[in-house]
Amino acid sequence: MKLAIVSDIHANIWALEAVLADISKQGADLVVNAGDILSGPLEPSATADLLMSLQLPTIRGNHERHLLDCERRPGHPSDQFAFEHTTQAQRDWIRGLPATLAVSDEIFMCHGTPADDLVYFLEQVDQQGCRMAAAVDIEARAAGIGHSLIICGHTHKPRAYAISGERLVVNPGSVGLQAYDDDQPYFHTIENGSPHARYAICEKTVHGWDVSHINISYDHHKAATTALKNGRADWATWLSTGRI
């Protein structure tokens, strides 16, 4: 089994197309999508159309919930933009996505943690910022999940972390956004240091799962220009540099 994992696309159609082209070269048996798909000042409708046509095993992230919440009240600018630039059919597709998914007997996928799409699986946020979570906390977040490969997203940080029971937690990083800041539960920043689109290949071997974190160059200038045109200078910087 050679598995490609994408996550946190955030409507970046140019990054997604580059990643899908590279996945095709890799010869993956299956591609899965770990959520946060459309929110962002880029191309949510085109991104939705492409993914709906591919019919990948896909879960929703926290931003899918936030986007749909815009039906009742105005949301965060990234979610509101995506809501206003998607069709009812595209929003209905999002509405039907599960929060978690057992892809097979060996592969489980969640966005944040199995219990909460807002909680970082492999990181901890406190008043000093964001850092790797303590082993005991990661183990607790994985409690009850017996699959040998546990996929998460949400933080945009590529990581692989071995836990008890010969299980491996893998975050593929973000296809579409390489830096951001957040004020929950405390202000913190995420930076990957370059604009490359990121995804992961996981391959089952006799010794366990091999993991390759892959960085793909793409036309990030076009993405940044689009963000700036749509009133998001912060996103333009994050997309251009992978830094805050």
Protein backbone atom coordinates (compact mmCIF):
# COMPACT_ATOMS: atom_id res chain seq x y z
CA MET A 1 0.00 0.00 0.00
CA LYS A 2 1.39 3.34 -1.10
CA LEU A 3 -0.75 6.11 0.32
CA ALA A 4 -0.65 9.82 -0.55
CA ILE A 5 -2.03 12.21 2.09
CA VAL A 6 -3.14 15.76 1.41
CA SER A 7 -4.53 18.16 3.97
CA ASP A 8 -5.23 21.84 4.61
CA ILE A 9 -5.62 22.83 0.96
CA HIS A 10 -7.40 26.09 1.87
CA ALA A 11 -8.69 26.75 -1.66
CA ASN A 12 -5.18 26.92 -3.13
CA ILE A 13 -5.99 25.32 -6.48
CA TRP A 14 -2.50 25.99 -7.90
CA ALA A 15 -0.78 24.17 -5.04
CA LEU A 16 -3.31 21.34 -5.22
CA GLU A 17 -2.80 20.83 -8.95
CA ALA A 18 0.98 20.71 -8.47
CA VAL A 19 0.67 18.20 -5.65
CA LEU A 20 -1.75 15.97 -7.58
CA ALA A 21 0.62 15.97 -10.55
CA ASP A 22 3.48 14.87 -8.31
CA ILE A 23 1.33 12.20 -6.67
CA SER A 24 0.61 10.81 -10.12
CA LYS A 25 4.36 10.49 -10.74
CA GLN A 26 4.78 8.73 -7.38
CA GLY A 27 2.31 6.00 -8.38
CA ALA A 28 0.24 6.11 -5.19
CA ASP A 29 -2.42 3.44 -4.76
CA LEU A 30 -4.74 5.79 -2.88
CA VAL A 31 -5.00 9.52 -2.11
CA VAL A 32 -6.83 10.75 1.01
CA ASN A 33 -7.76 14.26 2.11
CA ALA A 34 -7.68 15.27 5.80
CA GLY A 35 -9.78 18.44 5.67
CA ASP A 36 -9.68 22.27 5.74
CA ILE A 37 -10.39 22.32 2.05
CA LEU A 38 -11.95 25.57 0.87
CA SER A 39 -11.60 28.39 3.42
CA GLY A 40 -9.29 31.13 2.24
CA PRO A 41 -9.22 34.11 -0.16
CA LEU A 42 -8.19 32.06 -3.20
CA GLU A 43 -10.26 29.74 -5.45
CA PRO A 44 -12.74 27.78 -3.30
CA SER A 45 -15.19 26.94 -6.09
CA ALA A 46 -12.55 25.62 -8.49
CA THR A 47 -10.95 23.64 -5.67
CA ALA A 48 -14.30 22.10 -4.74
CA ASP A 49 -15.05 21.17 -8.35
CA LEU A 50 -11.71 19.42 -8.74
CA LEU A 51 -11.97 17.46 -5.50
CA MET A 52 -15.60 16.50 -6.05
CA SER A 53 -14.63 15.05 -9.42
CA LEU A 54 -11.83 12.98 -7.87
CA GLN A 55 -14.01 11.45 -5.13
CA LEU A 56 -11.10 10.97 -2.73
CA PRO A 57 -11.73 9.59 0.75
CA THR A 58 -12.17 12.95 2.50
CA ILE A 59 -13.03 14.24 5.95
CA ARG A 60 -14.11 17.68 7.05
CA GLY A 61 -11.92 19.99 9.10
CA ASN A 62 -12.87 22.77 11.47
CA HIS A 63 -13.04 25.23 8.58
CA GLU A 64 -15.70 23.16 6.84
CA ARG A 65 -17.86 23.63 9.95
CA HIS A 66 -17.03 27.35 10.06
CA LEU A 67 -17.89 27.77 6.38
CA LEU A 68 -21.30 26.18 6.87
CA ASP A 69 -21.90 28.29 9.97
CA CYS A 70 -21.85 31.30 7.63
CA GLU A 71 -25.31 30.23 6.49
CA ARG A 72 -26.57 31.49 9.86
CA ARG A 73 -24.24 34.40 10.65
CA PRO A 74 -21.19 36.13 9.13
CA GLY A 75 -17.98 34.25 9.83
CA HIS A 76 -14.23 34.76 9.87
CA PRO A 77 -13.10 36.46 6.62
CA SER A 78 -11.51 33.27 5.24
CA ASP A 79 -14.65 31.22 5.86
CA GLN A 80 -17.00 33.99 4.73
CA PHE A 81 -15.10 34.38 1.46
CA ALA A 82 -15.35 30.65 0.79
CA PHE A 83 -19.05 30.63 1.66
CA GLU A 84 -19.74 33.50 -0.74
CA HIS A 85 -17.71 31.91 -3.55
CA THR A 86 -19.11 28.36 -3.48
CA THR A 87 -22.35 26.93 -4.80
CA GLN A 88 -25.08 25.21 -2.84
CA ALA A 89 -24.04 21.89 -4.37
CA GLN A 90 -20.46 22.42 -3.20
CA ARG A 91 -21.61 23.29 0.30
CA ASP A 92 -23.86 20.22 0.35
CA TRP A 93 -20.81 18.12 -0.54
CA ILE A 94 -18.97 19.59 2.44
CA ARG A 95 -21.98 18.99 4.66
CA GLY A 96 -21.88 15.29 3.85
CA LEU A 97 -18.23 14.76 4.80
CA PRO A 98 -17.50 12.74 7.97
CA ALA A 99 -15.49 14.15 10.88
CA THR A 100 -13.26 11.05 10.99
CA LEU A 101 -12.78 8.09 8.70
CA ALA A 102 -11.44 4.56 9.06
CA VAL A 103 -9.94 4.26 5.58
CA SER A 104 -9.06 0.61 6.21
CA ASP A 105 -8.28 -1.69 9.12
CA GLU A 106 -4.83 -0.08 9.30
CA ILE A 107 -5.51 3.58 8.42
CA PHE A 108 -7.53 6.09 10.46
CA MET A 109 -7.96 9.76 9.55
CA CYS A 110 -8.97 12.77 11.64
CA HIS A 111 -8.37 16.49 11.21
CA GLY A 112 -7.36 17.68 14.67
CA THR A 113 -7.72 14.73 17.04
CA PRO A 114 -10.24 11.87 16.87
CA ALA A 115 -12.38 13.70 19.43
CA ASP A 116 -12.01 17.36 18.42
CA ASP A 117 -11.16 19.02 15.11
CA LEU A 118 -9.86 22.14 16.91
CA VAL A 119 -7.24 20.40 19.08
CA TYR A 120 -3.72 19.97 17.77
CA PHE A 121 -2.71 16.27 17.84
CA LEU A 122 1.09 16.57 17.88
CA GLU A 123 1.52 20.15 19.14
CA GLN A 124 0.74 22.03 22.32
CA VAL A 125 -0.15 25.73 22.55
CA ASP A 126 0.39 27.79 25.69
CA GLN A 127 1.34 31.35 26.56
CA GLN A 128 4.87 30.72 25.24
CA GLY A 129 3.58 29.70 21.80
CA CYS A 130 3.35 26.40 19.91
CA ARG A 131 5.69 23.44 20.40
CA MET A 132 5.71 19.63 20.21
CA ALA A 133 3.18 18.15 22.61
CA ALA A 134 4.23 15.94 25.52
CA ALA A 135 4.24 12.21 24.80
CA VAL A 136 1.60 11.54 27.44
CA ASP A 137 -0.77 14.02 25.79
CA ILE A 138 -0.25 12.55 22.32
CA GLU A 139 -0.91 9.06 23.68
CA ALA A 140 -4.11 10.28 25.34
CA ARG A 141 -5.34 11.85 22.09
CA ALA A 142 -4.80 8.54 20.29
CA ALA A 143 -6.60 6.47 22.95
CA GLY A 144 -8.98 3.93 21.48
CA ILE A 145 -7.56 4.16 17.94
CA GLY A 146 -5.86 0.86 17.16
CA HIS A 147 -4.96 1.53 13.53
CA SER A 148 -1.25 1.35 12.75
CA LEU A 149 -1.36 4.65 10.78
CA ILE A 150 -3.21 7.61 12.25
CA ILE A 151 -3.47 10.63 9.96
CA CYS A 152 -4.08 14.16 11.22
CA GLY A 153 -3.84 17.68 9.82
CA HIS A 154 -4.88 21.10 11.18
CA THR A 155 -1.50 22.50 12.28
CA HIS A 156 0.11 22.63 8.80
CA LYS A 157 3.30 21.16 10.38
CA PRO A 158 4.71 18.03 8.70
CA ARG A 159 5.48 15.46 11.38
CA ALA A 160 5.66 11.72 12.04
CA TYR A 161 5.41 10.56 15.65
CA ALA A 162 5.64 6.95 16.90
CA ILE A 163 3.36 5.95 19.77
CA SER A 164 2.59 2.77 21.68
CA GLY A 165 1.27 -0.31 19.96
CA GLU A 166 3.56 0.22 16.95
CA ARG A 167 1.28 3.04 15.78
CA LEU A 168 2.43 6.06 13.84
CA VAL A 169 0.75 9.50 13.79
CA VAL A 170 1.45 11.43 10.58
CA ASN A 171 0.66 15.03 9.74
CA PRO A 172 1.40 15.61 6.03
CA GLY A 173 1.62 19.38 6.40
CA SER A 174 -0.44 21.77 4.32
CA VAL A 175 -0.95 21.74 0.58
CA GLY A 176 -2.09 25.33 0.46
CA LEU A 177 -0.83 27.57 3.28
CA GLN A 178 2.65 27.46 4.82
CA ALA A 179 2.27 30.00 7.61
CA TYR A 180 -0.51 31.46 9.72
CA ASP A 181 -1.25 32.98 13.10
CA ASP A 182 -4.06 32.12 15.50
CA ASP A 183 -5.25 33.47 18.84
CA GLN A 184 -6.76 30.25 20.20
CA PRO A 185 -6.23 29.09 22.88
CA TYR A 186 -3.34 31.59 23.02
CA PHE A 187 -1.74 33.64 20.29
CA HIS A 188 0.74 31.56 18.32
CA THR A 189 2.26 31.33 14.86
CA ILE A 190 3.00 28.47 12.47
CA GLU A 191 5.81 28.86 9.93
CA ASN A 192 7.25 26.28 7.56
CA GLY A 193 9.83 28.65 6.12
CA SER A 194 9.17 28.31 2.39
CA PRO A 195 6.17 28.57 0.05
CA HIS A 196 6.34 24.94 -1.13
CA ALA A 197 3.12 22.91 -1.20
CA ARG A 198 3.44 20.00 1.20
CA TYR A 199 2.02 16.48 1.33
CA ALA A 200 3.13 13.02 2.46
CA ILE A 201 3.57 9.54 1.02
CA CYS A 202 3.19 6.62 3.44
CA GLU A 203 4.14 3.15 2.30
CA LYS A 204 3.54 -0.05 4.28
CA THR A 205 6.61 -2.30 4.58
CA VAL A 206 7.38 -5.44 6.55
CA HIS A 207 8.92 -3.22 9.24
CA GLY A 208 6.10 -0.66 9.47
CA TRP A 209 5.20 2.54 7.65
CA ASP A 210 7.78 4.47 5.64
CA VAL A 211 6.98 8.20 5.52
CA SER A 212 8.16 10.74 2.95
CA HIS A 213 7.29 14.40 3.51
CA ILE A 214 7.37 16.05 0.11
CA ASN A 215 7.74 19.75 -0.73
CA ILE A 216 6.56 20.83 -4.18
CA SER A 217 7.25 24.15 -5.88
CA TYR A 218 4.31 25.79 -7.66
CA ASP A 219 3.19 29.23 -8.82
CA HIS A 220 2.89 30.67 -5.32
CA HIS A 221 3.17 34.18 -6.77
CA LYS A 222 -0.20 33.68 -8.46
CA ALA A 223 -1.72 32.49 -5.19
CA ALA A 224 -0.27 35.47 -3.31
CA THR A 225 -1.48 37.93 -5.95
CA THR A 226 -4.97 36.46 -5.73
CA ALA A 227 -4.98 36.78 -1.94
CA LEU A 228 -3.87 40.40 -2.18
CA LYS A 229 -6.53 41.14 -4.80
CA ASN A 230 -9.11 39.68 -2.41
CA GLY A 231 -8.01 41.95 0.43
CA ARG A 232 -5.75 39.62 2.39
CA ALA A 233 -2.25 41.05 2.59
CA ASP A 234 -1.50 38.67 5.48
CA TRP A 235 -2.22 35.63 3.31
CA ALA A 236 -0.15 37.13 0.49
CA THR A 237 2.88 37.21 2.79
CA TRP A 238 2.26 33.73 4.17
CA LEU A 239 1.86 32.27 0.69
CA SER A 240 4.93 34.06 -0.70
CA THR A 241 7.34 33.20 2.09
CA GLY A 242 6.01 30.48 4.40
CA ARG A 243 6.72 32.96 7.20
CA ILE A 244 4.75 35.49 9.19
